[in-house]
C-alpha atoms as a PDB file:
ATOM      1  CA  MET A   1      62.769 -74.760  42.525  1.00  0.00           C
ATOM      2  CA  ALA A   2      61.565 -71.985  40.255  1.00  0.00           C
ATOM      3  CA  PHE A   3      61.390 -68.521  41.749  1.00  0.00           C
ATOM      4  CA  GLU A   4      57.924 -66.982  42.022  1.00  0.00           C
ATOM      5  CA  LEU A   5      56.898 -63.452  42.946  1.00  0.00           C
ATOM      6  CA  PRO A   6      54.799 -63.647  46.118  1.00  0.00           C
ATOM      7  CA  GLU A   7      51.653 -61.604  46.545  1.00  0.00           C
ATOM      8  CA  LEU A   8      51.956 -58.734  48.998  1.00  0.00           C
ATOM      9  CA  PRO A   9      50.300 -59.638  52.330  1.00  0.00           C
ATOM     10  CA  TYR A  10      48.471 -56.271  52.357  1.00  0.00           C
ATOM     11  CA  ALA A  11      47.038 -53.758  49.896  1.00  0.00           C
ATOM     12  CA  LYS A  12      49.550 -51.517  48.142  1.00  0.00           C
ATOM     13  CA  ASP A  13      48.268 -48.442  49.973  1.00  0.00           C
ATOM     14  CA  ALA A  14      48.172 -50.148  53.383  1.00  0.00           C
ATOM     15  CA  LEU A  15      51.601 -48.945  54.539  1.00  0.00           C
ATOM     16  CA  ALA A  16      51.001 -45.267  53.755  1.00  0.00           C
ATOM     17  CA  PRO A  17      52.114 -42.686  54.708  1.00  0.00           C
ATOM     18  CA  TYR A  18      55.356 -44.432  55.692  1.00  0.00           C
ATOM     19  CA  MET A  19      55.671 -46.370  52.429  1.00  0.00           C
ATOM     20  CA  SER A  20      53.507 -45.289  49.525  1.00  0.00           C
ATOM     21  CA  ALA A  21      51.529 -47.358  47.054  1.00  0.00           C
ATOM     22  CA  GLU A  22      53.781 -45.957  44.326  1.00  0.00           C
ATOM     23  CA  THR A  23      56.901 -47.230  46.088  1.00  0.00           C
ATOM     24  CA  LEU A  24      55.381 -50.687  46.527  1.00  0.00           C
ATOM     25  CA  GLU A  25      54.261 -50.740  42.914  1.00  0.00           C
ATOM     26  CA  PHE A  26      57.800 -50.096  41.692  1.00  0.00           C
ATOM     27  CA  HIS A  27      59.578 -52.091  44.400  1.00  0.00           C
ATOM     28  CA  HIS A  28      57.397 -55.224  44.380  1.00  0.00           C
ATOM     29  CA  ASP A  29      55.922 -55.298  40.882  1.00  0.00           C
ATOM     30  CA  LYS A  30      59.045 -54.181  39.003  1.00  0.00           C
ATOM     31  CA  HIS A  31      62.235 -54.611  41.046  1.00  0.00           C
ATOM     32  CA  HIS A  32      61.320 -57.867  42.803  1.00  0.00           C
ATOM     33  CA  GLN A  33      59.756 -59.240  39.626  1.00  0.00           C
ATOM     34  CA  ALA A  34      63.024 -58.508  37.782  1.00  0.00           C
ATOM     35  CA  TYR A  35      64.990 -60.560  40.354  1.00  0.00           C
ATOM     36  CA  VAL A  36      62.534 -63.437  39.896  1.00  0.00           C
ATOM     37  CA  THR A  37      62.634 -63.312  36.096  1.00  0.00           C
ATOM     38  CA  LYS A  38      66.423 -63.003  35.838  1.00  0.00           C
ATOM     39  CA  GLY A  39      66.954 -65.510  38.642  1.00  0.00           C
ATOM     40  CA  ASN A  40      64.936 -68.154  36.807  1.00  0.00           C
ATOM     41  CA  GLU A  41      66.933 -67.539  33.630  1.00  0.00           C
ATOM     42  CA  LEU A  42      70.223 -67.945  35.496  1.00  0.00           C
ATOM     43  CA  LEU A  43      69.034 -70.926  37.536  1.00  0.00           C
ATOM     44  CA  ALA A  44      68.503 -72.991  34.386  1.00  0.00           C
ATOM     45  CA  GLY A  45      71.635 -75.056  33.785  1.00  0.00           C
ATOM     46  CA  SER A  46      73.301 -73.926  37.020  1.00  0.00           C
ATOM     47  CA  GLY A  47      73.156 -77.355  38.651  1.00  0.00           C
ATOM     48  CA  LEU A  48      71.138 -75.886  41.538  1.00  0.00           C
ATOM     49  CA  GLU A  49      67.676 -76.261  39.985  1.00  0.00           C
ATOM     50  CA  GLY A  50      66.355 -78.756  42.548  1.00  0.00           C
ATOM     51  CA  LYS A  51      67.603 -76.909  45.626  1.00  0.00           C
ATOM     52  CA  SER A  52      65.652 -74.778  48.079  1.00  0.00           C
ATOM     53  CA  LEU A  53      65.975 -71.015  47.765  1.00  0.00           C
ATOM     54  CA  GLU A  54      68.187 -70.897  50.874  1.00  0.00           C
ATOM     55  CA  GLU A  55      70.484 -73.563  49.395  1.00  0.00           C
ATOM     56  CA  ILE A  56      70.648 -71.730  46.052  1.00  0.00           C
ATOM     57  CA  VAL A  57      71.626 -68.513  47.836  1.00  0.00           C
ATOM     58  CA  GLN A  58      74.284 -70.219  49.956  1.00  0.00           C
ATOM     59  CA  GLN A  59      75.742 -72.407  47.206  1.00  0.00           C
ATOM     60  CA  SER A  60      75.864 -69.697  44.525  1.00  0.00           C
ATOM     61  CA  HIS A  61      77.579 -67.204  46.850  1.00  0.00           C
ATOM     62  CA  GLY A  62      81.132 -66.602  45.661  1.00  0.00           C
ATOM     63  CA  LYS A  63      80.728 -69.075  42.801  1.00  0.00           C
ATOM     64  CA  ASN A  64      77.964 -67.812  40.512  1.00  0.00           C
ATOM     65  CA  GLN A  65      77.695 -64.100  41.237  1.00  0.00           C
ATOM     66  CA  ALA A  66      74.947 -63.287  38.758  1.00  0.00           C
ATOM     67  CA  LEU A  67      72.690 -66.054  40.086  1.00  0.00           C
ATOM     68  CA  PHE A  68      73.544 -65.132  43.660  1.00  0.00           C
ATOM     69  CA  ASN A  69      72.657 -61.467  43.113  1.00  0.00           C
ATOM     70  CA  ASN A  70      69.154 -62.335  41.939  1.00  0.00           C
ATOM     71  CA  ALA A  71      68.519 -65.298  44.265  1.00  0.00           C
ATOM     72  CA  GLY A  72      69.816 -63.316  47.241  1.00  0.00           C
ATOM     73  CA  GLN A  73      67.568 -60.379  46.498  1.00  0.00           C
ATOM     74  CA  HIS A  74      64.608 -62.711  45.935  1.00  0.00           C
ATOM     75  CA  PHE A  75      65.211 -64.322  49.345  1.00  0.00           C
ATOM     76  CA  ASN A  76      65.615 -60.930  51.030  1.00  0.00           C
ATOM     77  CA  HIS A  77      62.461 -59.489  49.487  1.00  0.00           C
ATOM     78  CA  ILE A  78      60.254 -62.499  50.242  1.00  0.00           C
ATOM     79  CA  HIS A  79      60.854 -61.677  53.901  1.00  0.00           C
ATOM     80  CA  PHE A  80      60.955 -57.903  53.478  1.00  0.00           C
ATOM     81  CA  TRP A  81      57.273 -57.819  52.534  1.00  0.00           C
ATOM     82  CA  GLN A  82      56.456 -59.924  55.608  1.00  0.00           C
ATOM     83  CA  TRP A  83      58.651 -57.820  57.896  1.00  0.00           C
ATOM     84  CA  MET A  84      56.171 -55.002  57.406  1.00  0.00           C
ATOM     85  CA  LYS A  85      52.521 -54.595  58.281  1.00  0.00           C
ATOM     86  CA  PRO A  86      50.016 -51.773  58.668  1.00  0.00           C
ATOM     87  CA  ASN A  87      50.167 -50.291  62.180  1.00  0.00           C
ATOM     88  CA  GLY A  88      53.428 -52.110  62.867  1.00  0.00           C
ATOM     89  CA  GLY A  89      56.439 -51.006  64.855  1.00  0.00           C
ATOM     90  CA  GLY A  90      56.119 -49.931  68.464  1.00  0.00           C
ATOM     91  CA  LYS A  91      58.168 -50.896  71.496  1.00  0.00           C
ATOM     92  CA  SER A  92      56.087 -53.879  72.563  1.00  0.00           C
ATOM     93  CA  LEU A  93      58.080 -56.942  71.540  1.00  0.00           C
ATOM     94  CA  PRO A  94      57.019 -60.544  72.158  1.00  0.00           C
ATOM     95  CA  GLY A  95      58.376 -61.732  75.513  1.00  0.00           C
ATOM     96  CA  LYS A  96      61.221 -64.071  74.504  1.00  0.00           C
ATOM     97  CA  LEU A  97      62.412 -61.674  71.829  1.00  0.00           C
ATOM     98  CA  GLN A  98      62.382 -58.757  74.272  1.00  0.00           C
ATOM     99  CA  ALA A  99      64.433 -60.782  76.762  1.00  0.00           C
ATOM    100  CA  ALA A 100      67.021 -61.558  74.078  1.00  0.00           C
ATOM    101  CA  VAL A 101      67.141 -57.910  72.963  1.00  0.00           C
ATOM    102  CA  ASP A 102      67.757 -56.897  76.588  1.00  0.00           C
ATOM    103  CA  SER A 103      70.512 -59.448  77.177  1.00  0.00           C
ATOM    104  CA  ASP A 104      72.238 -59.382  73.775  1.00  0.00           C
ATOM    105  CA  LEU A 105      71.712 -55.845  72.470  1.00  0.00           C
ATOM    106  CA  GLY A 106      71.429 -53.639  75.554  1.00  0.00           C
ATOM    107  CA  GLY A 107      67.680 -53.083  75.469  1.00  0.00           C
ATOM    108  CA  PHE A 108      65.158 -51.830  72.935  1.00  0.00           C
ATOM    109  CA  ASP A 109      66.347 -48.237  72.603  1.00  0.00           C
ATOM    110  CA  LYS A 110      69.960 -49.251  71.960  1.00  0.00           C
ATOM    111  CA  PHE A 111      68.798 -51.942  69.533  1.00  0.00           C
ATOM    112  CA  ARG A 112      66.716 -49.371  67.628  1.00  0.00           C
ATOM    113  CA  SER A 113      69.575 -46.891  67.520  1.00  0.00           C
ATOM    114  CA  ASP A 114      72.184 -49.464  66.447  1.00  0.00           C
ATOM    115  CA  PHE A 115      69.908 -51.028  63.815  1.00  0.00           C
ATOM    116  CA  ILE A 116      69.127 -47.646  62.236  1.00  0.00           C
ATOM    117  CA  ALA A 117      72.823 -46.709  62.391  1.00  0.00           C
ATOM    118  CA  ALA A 118      73.703 -49.913  60.517  1.00  0.00           C
ATOM    119  CA  GLY A 119      71.266 -48.967  57.759  1.00  0.00           C
ATOM    120  CA  VAL A 120      72.508 -45.378  57.581  1.00  0.00           C
ATOM    121  CA  GLY A 121      76.112 -46.560  57.585  1.00  0.00           C
ATOM    122  CA  GLN A 122      75.773 -49.092  54.763  1.00  0.00           C
ATOM    123  CA  PHE A 123      77.606 -47.370  51.927  1.00  0.00           C
ATOM    124  CA  GLY A 124      75.663 -47.635  48.686  1.00  0.00           C
ATOM    125  CA  SER A 125      73.078 -50.359  48.209  1.00  0.00           C
ATOM    126  CA  GLY A 126      72.488 -53.057  50.788  1.00  0.00           C
ATOM    127  CA  TRP A 127      70.624 -54.126  53.894  1.00  0.00           C
ATOM    128  CA  ALA A 128      70.686 -53.779  57.676  1.00  0.00           C
ATOM    129  CA  TRP A 129      69.903 -56.853  59.747  1.00  0.00           C
ATOM    130  CA  LEU A 130      68.953 -58.316  63.065  1.00  0.00           C
ATOM    131  CA  SER A 131      70.278 -61.865  62.938  1.00  0.00           C
ATOM    132  CA  TRP A 132      70.760 -64.922  65.120  1.00  0.00           C
ATOM    133  CA  LYS A 133      74.473 -65.692  65.095  1.00  0.00           C
ATOM    134  CA  ASP A 134      76.614 -67.838  67.382  1.00  0.00           C
ATOM    135  CA  GLY A 135      73.734 -68.323  69.809  1.00  0.00           C
ATOM    136  CA  LYS A 136      72.788 -64.678  70.255  1.00  0.00           C
ATOM    137  CA  LEU A 137      71.238 -61.688  68.512  1.00  0.00           C
ATOM    138  CA  ALA A 138      73.484 -59.540  66.342  1.00  0.00           C
ATOM    139  CA  ILE A 139      73.105 -56.388  64.251  1.00  0.00           C
ATOM    140  CA  GLU A 140      74.943 -56.235  60.952  1.00  0.00           C
ATOM    141  CA  LYS A 141      74.879 -54.696  57.505  1.00  0.00           C
ATOM    142  CA  THR A 142      75.572 -56.258  54.132  1.00  0.00           C
ATOM    143  CA  PRO A 143      76.189 -54.902  50.637  1.00  0.00           C
ATOM    144  CA  ASN A 144      73.911 -55.443  47.655  1.00  0.00           C
ATOM    145  CA  GLY A 145      71.967 -58.728  47.904  1.00  0.00           C
ATOM    146  CA  GLU A 146      73.953 -60.385  50.663  1.00  0.00           C
ATOM    147  CA  SER A 147      72.366 -61.416  53.961  1.00  0.00           C
ATOM    148  CA  PRO A 148      73.398 -63.157  57.179  1.00  0.00           C
ATOM    149  CA  LEU A 149      72.473 -66.387  55.384  1.00  0.00           C
ATOM    150  CA  VAL A 150      75.919 -66.339  53.728  1.00  0.00           C
ATOM    151  CA  THR A 151      77.922 -65.245  56.781  1.00  0.00           C
ATOM    152  CA  GLY A 152      76.832 -67.928  59.227  1.00  0.00           C
ATOM    153  CA  GLY A 153      73.746 -66.268  60.636  1.00  0.00           C
ATOM    154  CA  LYS A 154      69.985 -66.488  60.324  1.00  0.00           C
ATOM    155  CA  PRO A 155      68.118 -63.314  59.304  1.00  0.00           C
ATOM    156  CA  LEU A 156      65.390 -62.279  61.756  1.00  0.00           C
ATOM    157  CA  LEU A 157      64.714 -58.720  60.545  1.00  0.00           C
ATOM    158  CA  GLY A 158      66.061 -56.892  57.526  1.00  0.00           C
ATOM    159  CA  VAL A 159      65.531 -53.474  56.013  1.00  0.00           C
ATOM    160  CA  ASP A 160      66.263 -52.669  52.394  1.00  0.00           C
ATOM    161  CA  VAL A 161      68.432 -49.566  51.979  1.00  0.00           C
ATOM    162  CA  TRP A 162      68.658 -49.671  48.192  1.00  0.00           C
ATOM    163  CA  GLU A 163      67.402 -46.306  46.940  1.00  0.00           C
ATOM    164  CA  HIS A 164      64.419 -47.911  45.202  1.00  0.00           C
ATOM    165  CA  SER A 165      63.093 -48.769  48.654  1.00  0.00           C
ATOM    166  CA  TYR A 166      62.724 -45.166  49.763  1.00  0.00           C
ATOM    167  CA  TYR A 167      63.606 -42.563  47.133  1.00  0.00           C
ATOM    168  CA  ILE A 168      60.034 -41.900  45.945  1.00  0.00           C
ATOM    169  CA  ASP A 169      58.881 -41.189  49.513  1.00  0.00           C
ATOM    170  CA  TYR A 170      61.986 -39.791  51.227  1.00  0.00           C
ATOM    171  CA  ARG A 171      64.301 -38.719  48.375  1.00  0.00           C
ATOM    172  CA  ASN A 172      67.848 -38.984  49.771  1.00  0.00           C
ATOM    173  CA  ALA A 173      66.821 -38.902  53.455  1.00  0.00           C
ATOM    174  CA  ARG A 174      67.745 -42.499  54.316  1.00  0.00           C
ATOM    175  CA  PRO A 175      67.809 -41.866  58.116  1.00  0.00           C
ATOM    176  CA  LYS A 176      64.241 -40.504  58.017  1.00  0.00           C
ATOM    177  CA  TYR A 177      63.100 -43.571  56.051  1.00  0.00           C
ATOM    178  CA  LEU A 178      64.762 -45.967  58.507  1.00  0.00           C
ATOM    179  CA  GLU A 179      63.251 -44.253  61.544  1.00  0.00           C
ATOM    180  CA  ALA A 180      59.763 -44.259  60.014  1.00  0.00           C
ATOM    181  CA  TRP A 181      60.154 -47.879  58.921  1.00  0.00           C
ATOM    182  CA  PHE A 182      61.342 -49.145  62.298  1.00  0.00           C
ATOM    183  CA  ASP A 183      58.830 -47.168  64.349  1.00  0.00           C
ATOM    184  CA  ASN A 184      55.718 -47.720  62.220  1.00  0.00           C
ATOM    185  CA  LEU A 185      55.994 -50.742  59.926  1.00  0.00           C
ATOM    186  CA  VAL A 186      57.930 -53.611  61.544  1.00  0.00           C
ATOM    187  CA  ASN A 187      55.924 -56.814  61.932  1.00  0.00           C
ATOM    188  CA  TRP A 188      57.349 -58.074  65.229  1.00  0.00           C
ATOM    189  CA  GLU A 189      55.249 -61.246  65.057  1.00  0.00           C
ATOM    190  CA  HIS A 190      57.127 -62.326  61.912  1.00  0.00           C
ATOM    191  CA  VAL A 191      60.428 -61.527  63.637  1.00  0.00           C
ATOM    192  CA  GLU A 192      59.361 -63.668  66.599  1.00  0.00           C
ATOM    193  CA  GLN A 193      58.425 -66.542  64.294  1.00  0.00           C
ATOM    194  CA  LEU A 194      61.875 -66.482  62.671  1.00  0.00           C
ATOM    195  CA  PHE A 195      63.505 -66.109  66.096  1.00  0.00           C
ATOM    196  CA  ASP A 196      61.751 -69.278  67.287  1.00  0.00           C
ATOM    197  CA  GLN A 197      62.785 -71.189  64.153  1.00  0.00           C
ATOM    198  CA  ALA A 198      66.409 -70.004  64.404  1.00  0.00           C
ATOM    199  CA  GLN A 199      66.838 -71.572  67.816  1.00  0.00           C
ATOM    200  CA  LYS A 200      65.709 -75.044  66.779  1.00  0.00           C
END
C-alpha cells in the first residue's frame, strides 16, 4: 500500500495555545509529508509493497532500516494527529480504560506522572507510550521511529518527543510541553477505541 499524508482532523489553529498552527504546519505539512514521500520511494522494490502499514513496519524492523524509519514514523504520526483534539485532556477517562489504569498503572495521577517521566527521560528523539502488552497496560519509551508495534505491544497513546514536535512553542522545555500536551490535548476517546481493539 502506498503511504498517504492524512488530513488533520481539526484546523491548524485548533490546538492553540498548547500546540500552535506554526508547529502543526511544520510538523504535519513538512515532517510527516517527508516520511510519506521518502517511505514511498523506499517501499518500491522492497518486497513489502502489498502489505498493510503495520506489516511494513513490523517486517522492515531490523532488516530495512531506512524503510522502517519512514514507515514507523508514518504509522506513529497517523495516530499522533488523532491522539489530540481541541479541549482534550482532563482526568475523566472512559470507564473500562479508567479501571485498567487503576489496576495496571496505580491510578490516573501515577499514570500521568510515569507517562510524562517516560517522555522526559527518552534521550534524544523518540516517543513515550501507553501500550497494551502481555494482557495489561504498560508505559514505555522508544527511540526515533520505533513503537510498541515492534516490541510485542499495541500502541494506545503516544507522544512525539522529537524536537520538531515542541521546539517552536516550548523551545527546550520538553517537560512543560509534555504536561501541557497530556493535560489539554489528549483525545481519550481515540485511546479507548484502540484499547477496545487491542483486547480482541
